[in-house]
Every structure is written in C-alpha cells, then in structure tokens.
C-alpha cells in the first residue's frame, strides 16, 4: 500500500476514536443536553456527540473493508483472515469486555455501581450472555459493539466482496437504504457498519483512486462540517426523541462523513501533528477499548464528590481519559509487551512504524496497488 495512504488511515483512526469519546460522555436526565436549558454549551454537546463524531463508526468500518481487500479479491484468503481476526479483534474484544464485566460484578456485589451500569449480579443467563458476548444486544463495554459487528462483516466478507464486485451500485444502494431507512437491524447492532464496510470493500476491489478528491479536500471538509452543524440545530430543536425523518437525516450525515473525514486526512497528513498521529499505532485501539469504563468511573466519582457544574465534567473527563489511556498504553508497551500485544490485537506501536510520508523498508515506493498491477 502507498505509504501516504497508510499514514492517513492510521492518523484518521486515532482522530476519529478520540472524537468518539465525546459520544460516550455520561449524563443523567437532569444534565441531558435536551433537558430544556437553552444554551450554547448544550448545543455544542449535541454538535460533538450526536452529530459530528457520529461519523466515526461508518468511517472506521469503511477503512476496515478497504484494508481487507486492498490487495484484490484474488489475494484474499478467507481462512487466514478468520484466524488472524480471531487474535486481532475477537480476543481483544473478549478480554476488554469480560474484564470490565467481572469488575462491575465485583463492584456491585459491594453495592457500588448500581444505576450506572446493568445489574450484573442479578442478570439472567441470557442477559449475562449478551453483556459478555453481545449476542443479541449491547456489550457491557458499549463501544465494543463496533468490534462485534465488524466480526460479522468479516464472516460475511466473501459474500459482500462478490456482491459489490459484480453489482456494486445496486448492492451499495440497497445497503445504504438498509442503513438509513427505519427497518429492523437484523443481526447487526449498528446498521451503518455494514454499509461502511461494504463501501470500503467496493473502493478496494474496483481500484478506485481514493486520493482523487484530494484537490477538493477543503471544500469537502467544509461541506461535511456544514452538514454536521445544520443537523445539530435540528437535533437540538427536536431532541431527545427524534422523528423518523430526522433519524434518517442523522444516518445520512454520518455516512457522508466518510468523505469529509478522508478529505480532512489529506489536509492533516501534510502537518507535523498529522505525521506524529500517524505513527501512534496501537494507541487508537487502546483508547477505543478503554475509554468507556474510565468515563463511567469518572461519572460515579463525580456524582459522589463533584460540583453541580456539569460543563466542567464534560470538558475534563474526555481529557483525563485520554491522559490516562496514553500513559497506560505507553507503560504496557514498555513493561508488559506480551500483554500489550494481546490487548491491542498485535497492532504496531510507534517505535516500529515507519515515519508518515516515507515508505516502510519492506514497501515498494511505486505508488498505489492499482498502479503496480
């Protein structure tokens, strides 16, 4: 893969995942952005958490689909893919989620955490199965639903690839309708993941030059930002119970954000900050898996000892979570590398990754896969 494209993908992963933290900042009915207190701060919360950073899930799904098939369908090895993803996605999902489930169980046995999280000690076997494995509903570490749905996409990947290879427009239109229209989710918890994954697969298999719109990067970013701003005004006016048309508009905006996020990467990769972010490797996965338990812990502590000013919690908790996660990632990488490798799905750290903009020594510098073929 072209080294610059690889750097942009790595950079957008950590940017999007850091933004997803704002989607999961806890609140109660009294501190909801839709509680009725009209303020610029509440609108900002709606903009960040319910509009702008909702693009993260479909965009990360598209990245996963593109990477899976960027070498072409002929080079795709289904059995090897399943074996690899069992260690890079399934095992980290189980370890992060079940460890959090066990901690919640022990805390609730001591009367801590009720009202903040599901009642684990009194859960039925079916409820416990869902909390642990997300068979039918959300895992206890809620953001990990993305890994659960991504695994489903990987299991279905040969069928998805054959479908988008033969009937790309028809299949993508049908999947877009599934993602946007108010139809049942079926086996997926988040419908946009299937569309995003399939879109990425289609881009890879049809050898679409994903850098083609780089010359229009700024207008595309501004258009995506404008859509998020307009959506946030509508959400703020109608929330928290949205009419069907507004839910559909939110889904469309999140999916359109795929183009905005990729255009943004074209601008950021030219900066020193962007190149530094592209070298962080497994940190993005660490942040993704670890941020929700920390936010819940902060919320419990805040309700016990904090002030009544929710705005301070909203601003401080994501920043504190990032500081802790960056620090613990560095410590684990240095002192317990085998555990770090397992928990990050063996994703490379910054010390093993080539600098952004320069190809890895094992990469050929000729350009894109399509050019080499």
Protein backbone atom coordinates (compact mmCIF):
# COMPACT_ATOMS: atom_id res chain seq x y z
CA UNK A 1 0.00 0.00 0.00
CA UNK A 2 1.13 3.53 -0.70
CA UNK A 3 2.84 4.82 2.45
CA UNK A 4 0.98 8.12 2.48
CA UNK A 5 -2.41 6.38 2.25
CA UNK A 6 -1.38 4.08 5.08
CA UNK A 7 -0.32 7.08 7.19
CA UNK A 8 -3.63 8.83 6.52
CA UNK A 9 -5.57 5.74 7.60
CA UNK A 10 -3.60 5.44 10.83
CA UNK A 11 -3.99 9.14 11.53
CA UNK A 12 -7.76 9.16 10.96
CA UNK A 13 -8.22 6.16 13.21
CA UNK A 14 -6.87 7.98 16.24
CA UNK A 15 -8.61 11.26 15.34
CA UNK A 16 -11.99 9.57 14.94
CA UNK A 17 -11.61 7.36 18.01
CA UNK A 18 -10.58 10.32 20.14
CA UNK A 19 -13.72 12.09 18.92
CA UNK A 20 -15.87 9.07 19.75
CA UNK A 21 -15.05 9.67 23.42
CA UNK A 22 -17.38 12.70 23.30
CA UNK A 23 -20.20 10.45 22.08
CA UNK A 24 -19.98 8.39 25.28
CA UNK A 25 -19.57 11.05 27.97
CA UNK A 26 -22.18 10.01 30.61
CA UNK A 27 -25.04 12.17 31.78
CA UNK A 28 -28.35 11.77 33.57
CA UNK A 29 -31.79 13.22 32.68
CA UNK A 30 -31.07 16.39 34.63
CA UNK A 31 -27.83 17.05 32.74
CA UNK A 32 -29.02 15.98 29.30
CA UNK A 33 -28.32 18.43 26.50
CA UNK A 34 -32.04 18.21 25.72
CA UNK A 35 -33.19 18.95 29.29
CA UNK A 36 -34.62 22.31 28.28
CA UNK A 37 -31.91 24.72 29.37
CA UNK A 38 -31.20 26.54 26.12
CA UNK A 39 -27.50 27.34 25.97
CA UNK A 40 -24.58 27.37 23.61
CA UNK A 41 -22.87 24.72 25.72
CA UNK A 42 -25.76 22.27 25.30
CA UNK A 43 -25.79 22.87 21.56
CA UNK A 44 -22.05 22.18 21.45
CA UNK A 45 -22.64 18.85 23.22
CA UNK A 46 -25.25 17.92 20.63
CA UNK A 47 -22.93 19.00 17.82
CA UNK A 48 -19.97 16.96 19.08
CA UNK A 49 -21.71 13.90 20.50
CA UNK A 50 -24.83 13.47 18.38
CA UNK A 51 -23.69 14.92 15.07
CA UNK A 52 -20.02 15.47 14.22
CA UNK A 53 -18.34 12.45 15.79
CA UNK A 54 -21.08 10.05 14.75
CA UNK A 55 -19.13 9.80 11.51
CA UNK A 56 -16.55 7.69 13.35
CA UNK A 57 -18.34 4.32 13.10
CA UNK A 58 -19.11 4.28 9.34
CA UNK A 59 -15.69 5.75 8.55
CA UNK A 60 -13.80 3.18 10.63
CA UNK A 61 -15.93 0.46 9.02
CA UNK A 62 -15.00 1.71 5.56
CA UNK A 63 -11.32 1.67 6.50
CA UNK A 64 -11.63 -1.95 7.66
CA UNK A 65 -13.32 -3.06 4.46
CA UNK A 66 -10.79 -1.26 2.29
CA UNK A 67 -7.79 -2.72 4.12
CA UNK A 68 -9.19 -6.24 3.94
CA UNK A 69 -9.35 -6.22 0.13
CA UNK A 70 -6.77 -3.65 -0.91
CA UNK A 71 -4.65 -6.42 -2.47
CA UNK A 72 -7.59 -7.61 -4.57
CA UNK A 73 -10.03 -10.48 -4.38
CA UNK A 74 -7.52 -13.00 -5.76
CA UNK A 75 -5.17 -12.42 -2.82
CA UNK A 76 -7.95 -12.76 -0.24
CA UNK A 77 -7.58 -15.86 1.98
CA UNK A 78 -10.77 -16.38 3.95
CA UNK A 79 -9.43 -18.97 6.39
CA UNK A 80 -6.32 -16.97 7.09
CA UNK A 81 -8.41 -13.85 7.57
CA UNK A 82 -10.62 -15.55 10.16
CA UNK A 83 -7.59 -16.92 12.01
CA UNK A 84 -5.92 -13.52 12.01
CA UNK A 85 -9.02 -11.61 13.07
CA UNK A 86 -9.63 -14.07 15.90
CA UNK A 87 -6.45 -12.77 17.53
CA UNK A 88 -6.63 -9.14 16.40
CA UNK A 89 -10.33 -8.45 17.03
CA UNK A 90 -12.16 -11.31 18.78
CA UNK A 91 -9.60 -11.95 21.53
CA UNK A 92 -9.18 -8.25 22.47
CA UNK A 93 -12.98 -7.87 22.44
CA UNK A 94 -13.37 -10.76 24.88
CA UNK A 95 -10.55 -9.63 27.17
CA UNK A 96 -11.58 -5.98 27.40
CA UNK A 97 -15.30 -6.67 27.70
CA UNK A 98 -15.24 -9.65 30.08
CA UNK A 99 -12.65 -7.98 32.31
CA UNK A 100 -14.92 -4.95 32.63
CA UNK A 101 -17.90 -7.24 33.25
CA UNK A 102 -16.02 -9.01 36.05
CA UNK A 103 -15.03 -5.69 37.64
CA UNK A 104 -18.63 -4.47 37.52
CA UNK A 105 -19.82 -7.73 39.06
CA UNK A 106 -17.36 -7.45 41.96
CA UNK A 107 -18.19 -3.77 42.48
CA UNK A 108 -21.94 -4.36 42.51
CA UNK A 109 -21.57 -7.20 45.00
CA UNK A 110 -20.27 -4.47 47.32
CA UNK A 111 -23.12 -2.13 46.45
CA UNK A 112 -21.09 0.04 44.05
CA UNK A 113 -22.20 0.96 40.55
CA UNK A 114 -25.94 0.25 40.63
CA UNK A 115 -27.81 2.75 38.47
CA UNK A 116 -24.75 3.44 36.34
CA UNK A 117 -24.46 0.05 34.67
CA UNK A 118 -26.68 -3.02 34.14
CA UNK A 119 -27.44 -5.15 37.20
CA UNK A 120 -24.84 -7.85 36.65
CA UNK A 121 -25.24 -9.98 39.85
CA UNK A 122 -28.98 -10.41 39.18
CA UNK A 123 -28.74 -10.81 35.42
CA UNK A 124 -30.35 -13.85 33.81
CA UNK A 125 -28.12 -16.25 31.84
CA UNK A 126 -29.39 -14.70 28.60
CA UNK A 127 -28.68 -11.17 29.83
CA UNK A 128 -25.23 -12.24 31.02
CA UNK A 129 -24.50 -13.77 27.62
CA UNK A 130 -25.40 -10.50 25.94
CA UNK A 131 -23.37 -8.40 28.36
CA UNK A 132 -20.34 -10.65 27.85
CA UNK A 133 -20.57 -11.54 24.16
CA UNK A 134 -23.11 -9.08 22.66
CA UNK A 135 -25.01 -11.94 21.05
CA UNK A 136 -28.29 -10.02 20.73
CA UNK A 137 -27.69 -6.63 22.30
CA UNK A 138 -25.03 -4.23 23.54
CA UNK A 139 -21.97 -5.49 25.45
CA UNK A 140 -21.34 -4.03 28.89
CA UNK A 141 -18.44 -2.04 27.40
CA UNK A 142 -20.84 -0.41 24.95
CA UNK A 143 -18.41 0.93 22.29
CA UNK A 144 -17.18 -2.61 21.66
CA UNK A 145 -20.37 -3.29 19.72
CA UNK A 146 -18.32 -2.00 16.79
CA UNK A 147 -15.92 -4.95 17.07
CA UNK A 148 -18.87 -7.34 17.35
CA UNK A 149 -20.49 -6.03 14.16
CA UNK A 150 -17.13 -5.84 12.41
CA UNK A 151 -16.62 -9.54 13.12
CA UNK A 152 -19.98 -10.24 11.47
CA UNK A 153 -18.84 -8.26 8.42
CA UNK A 154 -15.63 -10.28 8.30
CA UNK A 155 -17.57 -13.55 8.45
CA UNK A 156 -19.74 -12.33 5.58
CA UNK A 157 -16.83 -10.74 3.71
CA UNK A 158 -16.63 -13.22 0.79
CA UNK A 159 -20.34 -12.72 0.05
CA UNK A 160 -20.04 -8.95 0.41
CA UNK A 161 -16.99 -8.88 -1.86
CA UNK A 162 -18.63 -10.97 -4.58
CA UNK A 163 -21.77 -8.85 -4.44
CA UNK A 164 -20.03 -5.47 -4.70
CA UNK A 165 -17.63 -6.83 -7.30
CA UNK A 166 -20.47 -7.87 -9.61
CA UNK A 167 -23.24 -5.40 -8.78
CA UNK A 168 -21.53 -2.50 -6.98
CA UNK A 169 -24.15 0.22 -7.49
CA UNK A 170 -27.15 -1.96 -6.75
CA UNK A 171 -25.62 -3.52 -3.65
CA UNK A 172 -24.40 -0.21 -2.21
CA UNK A 173 -27.78 1.44 -2.83
CA UNK A 174 -29.55 -1.42 -1.07
CA UNK A 175 -27.13 -1.29 1.85
CA UNK A 176 -27.48 2.47 2.06
CA UNK A 177 -31.26 2.06 2.23
CA UNK A 178 -30.82 -0.55 4.96
CA UNK A 179 -28.59 1.80 6.92
CA UNK A 180 -30.79 4.88 6.57
CA UNK A 181 -34.41 3.71 6.46
CA UNK A 182 -36.28 2.73 9.64
CA UNK A 183 -36.10 -1.01 9.01
CA UNK A 184 -35.14 -3.72 11.54
CA UNK A 185 -31.43 -4.09 12.29
CA UNK A 186 -31.42 -7.85 11.88
CA UNK A 187 -28.19 -9.37 13.13
CA UNK A 188 -26.34 -6.04 13.29
CA UNK A 189 -26.44 -3.67 16.25
CA UNK A 190 -25.45 -0.67 14.11
CA UNK A 191 -26.63 -0.76 10.50
CA UNK A 192 -24.15 1.82 9.22
CA UNK A 193 -21.28 -0.58 9.93
CA UNK A 194 -22.40 -2.93 7.16
CA UNK A 195 -22.68 -0.10 4.65
CA UNK A 196 -19.33 1.43 5.64
CA UNK A 197 -17.56 -1.93 5.43
CA UNK A 198 -19.13 -2.73 2.05
CA UNK A 199 -18.27 0.72 0.72
CA UNK A 200 -14.63 0.22 1.67
CA UNK A 201 -14.61 -3.22 0.03
CA UNK A 202 -16.05 -1.73 -3.16
CA UNK A 203 -13.41 1.02 -3.25
CA UNK A 204 -10.66 -1.58 -2.91
CA UNK A 205 -11.95 -4.17 -5.37
CA UNK A 206 -12.79 -1.65 -8.10
CA UNK A 207 -9.41 0.04 -7.69
CA UNK A 208 -10.89 3.45 -7.06
CA UNK A 209 -8.19 6.06 -6.59
CA UNK A 210 -9.12 7.21 -3.10
CA UNK A 211 -6.85 10.25 -3.48
CA UNK A 212 -8.79 11.55 -6.46
CA UNK A 213 -10.72 14.16 -4.48
CA UNK A 214 -7.68 15.43 -2.54
CA UNK A 215 -7.58 18.60 -4.63
CA UNK A 216 -11.09 19.36 -3.36
CA UNK A 217 -10.22 18.44 0.23
CA UNK A 218 -11.02 21.80 1.81
CA UNK A 219 -14.46 22.26 0.18
CA UNK A 220 -15.39 18.65 1.05
CA UNK A 221 -14.36 19.14 4.69
CA UNK A 222 -16.32 22.39 4.89
CA UNK A 223 -19.38 20.75 3.33
CA UNK A 224 -19.25 17.85 5.81
CA UNK A 225 -18.83 20.30 8.68
CA UNK A 226 -21.78 22.37 7.46
CA UNK A 227 -23.95 19.25 7.31
CA UNK A 228 -23.00 18.39 10.91
CA UNK A 229 -23.77 21.94 12.08
CA UNK A 230 -27.19 22.03 10.38
CA UNK A 231 -28.01 18.56 11.71
CA UNK A 232 -27.10 19.60 15.25
CA UNK A 233 -29.56 22.51 15.09
CA UNK A 234 -32.34 20.13 14.04
CA UNK A 235 -31.40 17.59 16.71
CA UNK A 236 -31.30 20.27 19.36
CA UNK A 237 -34.73 21.51 18.33
CA UNK A 238 -36.44 18.10 18.30
CA UNK A 239 -34.46 16.01 20.79
CA UNK A 240 -34.23 13.78 22.67
CA UNK A 241 -36.97 11.83 20.83
CA UNK A 242 -36.32 12.31 17.14
CA UNK A 243 -38.90 11.89 14.37
CA UNK A 244 -38.14 9.20 11.79
CA UNK A 245 -37.08 11.71 9.13
CA UNK A 246 -34.50 13.22 11.49
CA UNK A 247 -33.08 9.83 12.40
CA UNK A 248 -32.71 9.15 8.68
CA UNK A 249 -31.02 12.50 8.16
CA UNK A 250 -28.61 11.73 11.01
CA UNK A 251 -27.71 8.40 9.38
CA UNK A 252 -27.14 10.08 6.01
CA UNK A 253 -24.92 12.74 7.60
CA UNK A 254 -22.84 10.13 9.42
CA UNK A 255 -22.30 8.16 6.22
CA UNK A 256 -21.49 11.29 4.22
CA UNK A 257 -18.87 11.99 6.88
CA UNK A 258 -16.78 9.21 5.35
CA UNK A 259 -15.85 11.62 2.55
CA UNK A 260 -15.31 14.51 4.94
CA UNK A 261 -13.02 12.51 7.21
CA UNK A 262 -10.94 11.24 4.30
CA UNK A 263 -10.65 14.74 2.85
CA UNK A 264 -9.57 16.01 6.28
CA UNK A 265 -6.80 13.41 6.34
CA UNK A 266 -5.41 14.89 3.11
CA UNK A 267 -5.03 18.23 4.90
CA UNK A 268 -3.73 16.87 8.20
CA UNK A 269 -1.14 14.49 6.75
CA UNK A 270 0.82 17.48 5.48
CA UNK A 271 1.33 18.78 9.01
CA UNK A 272 3.82 17.70 11.67
CA UNK A 273 0.94 16.92 14.04
CA UNK A 274 -0.71 14.69 11.47
CA UNK A 275 2.51 12.80 10.81
CA UNK A 276 3.01 12.29 14.54
CA UNK A 277 -0.53 10.94 14.94
CA UNK A 278 0.04 8.54 12.05
CA UNK A 279 2.89 6.87 13.96
CA UNK A 280 0.93 6.05 17.11
CA UNK A 281 -0.06 2.56 16.02
CA UNK A 282 -1.93 0.55 18.64
CA UNK A 283 -2.78 3.58 20.78
CA UNK A 284 -6.01 4.22 18.87
CA UNK A 285 -7.26 0.69 19.60
CA UNK A 286 -6.26 1.04 23.26
CA UNK A 287 -8.22 4.30 23.52
CA UNK A 288 -11.21 2.78 21.80
CA UNK A 289 -11.44 -0.23 24.10
CA UNK A 290 -10.57 1.54 27.35
CA UNK A 291 -12.33 4.90 27.30
CA UNK A 292 -15.88 3.85 28.27
CA UNK A 293 -15.02 2.14 31.59
CA UNK A 294 -12.96 5.20 32.57
CA UNK A 295 -15.80 7.60 31.71
CA UNK A 296 -18.24 5.58 33.83
CA UNK A 297 -15.77 5.56 36.72
CA UNK A 298 -15.33 9.34 36.45
CA UNK A 299 -19.11 9.79 36.40
CA UNK A 300 -19.54 7.72 39.56
CA UNK A 301 -16.83 9.69 41.34
CA UNK A 302 -18.23 13.00 40.08
CA UNK A 303 -21.71 12.26 41.37
CA UNK A 304 -20.27 11.45 44.76
CA UNK A 305 -17.72 14.23 45.17
CA UNK A 306 -18.06 16.65 42.24
CA UNK A 307 -19.77 20.01 41.89
CA UNK A 308 -23.12 20.72 40.25
CA UNK A 309 -21.41 22.25 37.19
CA UNK A 310 -21.77 19.50 34.58
CA UNK A 311 -19.87 21.54 31.99
CA UNK A 312 -16.67 21.02 33.95
CA UNK A 313 -17.19 17.27 33.96
CA UNK A 314 -17.98 17.21 30.25
CA UNK A 315 -14.77 19.04 29.37
CA UNK A 316 -12.47 17.40 31.91
CA UNK A 317 -13.49 13.74 31.65
CA UNK A 318 -12.50 13.14 27.98
CA UNK A 319 -9.19 14.94 28.51
CA UNK A 320 -8.43 12.99 31.69
CA UNK A 321 -9.40 9.74 29.97
CA UNK A 322 -7.01 10.49 27.11
CA UNK A 323 -4.15 11.29 29.52
CA UNK A 324 -4.68 8.05 31.44
CA UNK A 325 -5.05 5.92 28.31
CA UNK A 326 -1.98 7.38 26.62
CA UNK A 327 0.04 6.84 29.81
CA UNK A 328 -1.16 3.29 30.45
CA UNK A 329 -0.61 2.38 26.80
CA UNK A 330 3.00 3.57 26.99
CA UNK A 331 3.58 1.73 30.28
CA UNK A 332 2.08 -1.51 28.98
CA UNK A 333 4.05 -1.28 25.76
CA UNK A 334 7.28 -0.83 27.69
CA UNK A 335 6.89 -3.14 30.69
CA UNK A 336 4.44 -5.86 29.59
CA UNK A 337 4.77 -6.04 25.80
CA UNK A 338 3.14 -9.50 25.51
CA UNK A 339 0.01 -8.25 27.29
CA UNK A 340 0.09 -5.02 25.27
CA UNK A 341 0.26 -7.03 22.05
CA UNK A 342 -2.78 -9.10 23.01
CA UNK A 343 -4.89 -6.16 24.18
CA UNK A 344 -4.15 -4.12 21.05
CA UNK A 345 -4.63 -7.02 18.66
CA UNK A 346 -0.91 -7.01 17.87
CA UNK A 347 -1.12 -3.59 16.28
CA UNK A 348 2.28 -2.00 15.85
CA UNK A 349 3.46 0.68 18.23
CA UNK A 350 5.01 3.95 17.20
CA UNK A 351 8.54 2.67 17.59
CA UNK A 352 8.01 0.00 14.94
CA UNK A 353 6.23 2.11 12.36
CA UNK A 354 7.89 3.96 9.53
CA UNK A 355 7.50 7.75 9.60
CA UNK A 356 4.48 9.10 7.77
CA UNK A 357 5.18 10.07 4.20
CA UNK A 358 8.13 7.63 3.93
CA UNK A 359 7.54 4.02 2.86
CA UNK A 360 8.34 1.22 5.23
CA UNK A 361 11.59 -0.53 4.20
CA UNK A 362 9.54 -3.52 3.02
CA UNK A 363 7.14 -1.37 0.98
CA UNK A 364 7.66 -0.63 -2.65
CA UNK A 365 7.54 3.10 -3.35
CA UNK A 366 5.99 2.86 -6.81
CA UNK A 367 2.57 4.11 -5.70
CA UNK A 368 -0.84 2.53 -5.28
CA UNK A 369 -1.72 -1.11 -5.68
CA UNK A 370 -3.61 -0.27 -8.84
CA UNK A 371 -0.51 1.34 -10.36
CA UNK A 372 1.63 -1.70 -9.53
CA UNK A 373 -0.88 -4.04 -11.11
